[in-house]
Amino acid sequence: MTNTKGKMKGTQHMFSRPFRKHVPLATYMQIYKKGGIVDIKGMGTRDIEGMGTVQKGMPHKCYHGKTGRVYSVTQHAGGIVVNKQVKGKILAERIRVHTEHIKHSELR
């Protein structure tokens, strides 16, 4: 039996990309501004034959699919405020995510 513990547990399809498909260059050209609304999508290492797309700056799996507001922007990453439920309380978490793992939300 394999060891089913760890932060990447249960993410085989969640972080996957199609076989031999890389991140489009338009993803890197997006301009994010402070106060903008973005969606979080992790593109990680779970590709066929282990060909990972982007591993650095990946969000934890609990933030996958969440929508947040940008509070800071740097050259390669963005800071996002995301609501997270912990034991019945909703906390405003501040996370740092590389720009490959975020996109502009359709809500704006």
Protein backbone atom coordinates (compact mmCIF):
# COMPACT_ATOMS: atom_id res chain seq x y z
CA MET A 1 0.00 0.00 0.00
CA THR A 2 1.30 3.46 -0.83
CA ASN A 3 1.67 6.28 1.64
CA THR A 4 -1.34 8.58 1.15
CA LYS A 5 -0.13 11.48 3.26
CA GLY A 6 1.34 14.79 2.20
CA LYS A 7 0.40 18.14 0.74
CA MET A 8 -0.05 16.78 -2.82
CA LYS A 9 -2.44 14.02 -1.68
CA GLY A 10 -5.52 13.62 -3.90
CA THR A 11 -4.41 16.04 -6.62
CA GLN A 12 -3.85 13.71 -9.60
CA HIS A 13 -6.51 15.37 -11.77
CA MET A 14 -6.72 18.69 -9.93
CA PHE A 15 -3.25 19.91 -10.92
CA SER A 16 -2.96 18.04 -14.22
CA ARG A 17 -2.24 19.44 -17.69
CA PRO A 18 -2.74 17.64 -21.01
CA PHE A 19 0.15 15.52 -22.27
CA ARG A 20 3.03 17.66 -23.64
CA LYS A 21 1.06 20.88 -23.24
CA HIS A 22 2.77 23.80 -21.59
CA VAL A 23 1.55 27.09 -20.17
CA PRO A 24 0.49 29.53 -22.93
CA LEU A 25 2.69 32.60 -23.20
CA ALA A 26 -0.37 34.84 -22.78
CA THR A 27 -0.50 33.66 -19.16
CA TYR A 28 2.82 35.37 -18.46
CA MET A 29 1.77 38.58 -20.25
CA GLN A 30 -1.27 39.27 -18.05
CA ILE A 31 -1.19 42.47 -16.02
CA TYR A 32 -2.56 42.24 -12.49
CA LYS A 33 -3.39 45.36 -10.52
CA LYS A 34 -3.90 45.89 -6.82
CA GLY A 35 -7.56 45.34 -5.92
CA GLY A 36 -8.30 43.12 -8.93
CA ILE A 37 -10.32 39.91 -8.61
CA VAL A 38 -8.54 36.69 -9.63
CA ASP A 39 -9.18 32.94 -9.64
CA ILE A 40 -6.62 30.43 -8.37
CA LYS A 41 -5.77 27.36 -10.46
CA GLY A 42 -2.73 25.22 -9.65
CA MET A 43 -0.85 23.81 -12.64
CA GLY A 44 1.54 21.37 -11.13
CA THR A 45 3.55 18.21 -11.46
CA ARG A 46 0.80 15.67 -12.02
CA ASP A 47 1.31 15.20 -15.78
CA ILE A 48 1.59 11.93 -17.68
CA GLU A 49 5.14 10.50 -17.48
CA GLY A 50 6.09 13.05 -14.83
CA MET A 51 6.56 16.01 -17.18
CA GLY A 52 5.71 18.83 -14.80
CA THR A 53 4.56 22.19 -16.04
CA VAL A 54 5.10 24.69 -13.22
CA GLN A 55 6.07 23.68 -9.69
CA LYS A 56 7.24 26.93 -8.12
CA GLY A 57 4.79 29.16 -6.31
CA MET A 58 1.96 26.64 -6.34
CA PRO A 59 -0.97 27.23 -3.99
CA HIS A 60 -2.07 24.55 -1.56
CA LYS A 61 -4.87 22.31 -2.83
CA CYS A 62 -7.39 23.91 -0.43
CA TYR A 63 -7.09 27.18 -2.42
CA HIS A 64 -7.70 25.54 -5.83
CA GLY A 65 -10.74 27.12 -7.51
CA LYS A 66 -11.03 29.96 -4.98
CA THR A 67 -11.54 33.60 -5.89
CA GLY A 68 -9.63 36.35 -4.15
CA ARG A 69 -8.52 39.96 -4.31
CA VAL A 70 -4.96 41.04 -5.21
CA TYR A 71 -3.20 42.96 -2.43
CA SER A 72 0.33 43.10 -3.87
CA VAL A 73 2.06 42.43 -7.19
CA THR A 74 5.71 41.60 -7.79
CA GLN A 75 7.63 40.58 -10.89
CA HIS A 76 6.78 36.87 -10.77
CA ALA A 77 4.09 36.53 -8.11
CA GLY A 78 1.00 38.09 -6.65
CA GLY A 79 -0.36 38.34 -3.15
CA ILE A 80 -4.02 37.34 -2.85
CA VAL A 81 -6.51 37.63 0.01
CA VAL A 82 -8.70 34.50 0.04
CA ASN A 83 -11.47 33.50 2.44
CA LYS A 84 -10.87 30.12 4.09
CA GLN A 85 -13.23 28.27 6.42
CA VAL A 86 -11.57 26.87 9.55
CA LYS A 87 -13.76 25.16 12.17
CA GLY A 88 -16.87 27.19 11.40
CA LYS A 89 -15.03 30.51 11.13
CA ILE A 90 -14.17 32.28 7.89
CA LEU A 91 -10.65 33.70 7.94
CA ALA A 92 -9.06 36.09 5.43
CA GLU A 93 -5.85 34.31 4.41
CA ARG A 94 -3.04 36.13 2.57
CA ILE A 95 -1.18 33.83 0.20
CA ARG A 96 1.62 34.32 -2.34
CA VAL A 97 1.09 32.63 -5.72
CA HIS A 98 3.10 32.73 -8.94
CA THR A 99 1.31 34.32 -11.89
CA GLU A 100 1.06 30.98 -13.74
CA HIS A 101 -1.42 29.80 -11.13
CA ILE A 102 -3.84 32.75 -11.24
CA LYS A 103 -6.09 34.27 -13.89
CA HIS A 104 -8.50 37.17 -14.10
CA SER A 105 -11.91 36.25 -12.75
CA GLU A 106 -15.09 36.38 -14.80
CA LEU A 107 -16.74 38.20 -11.86
CA ARG A 108 -15.12 41.56 -12.57
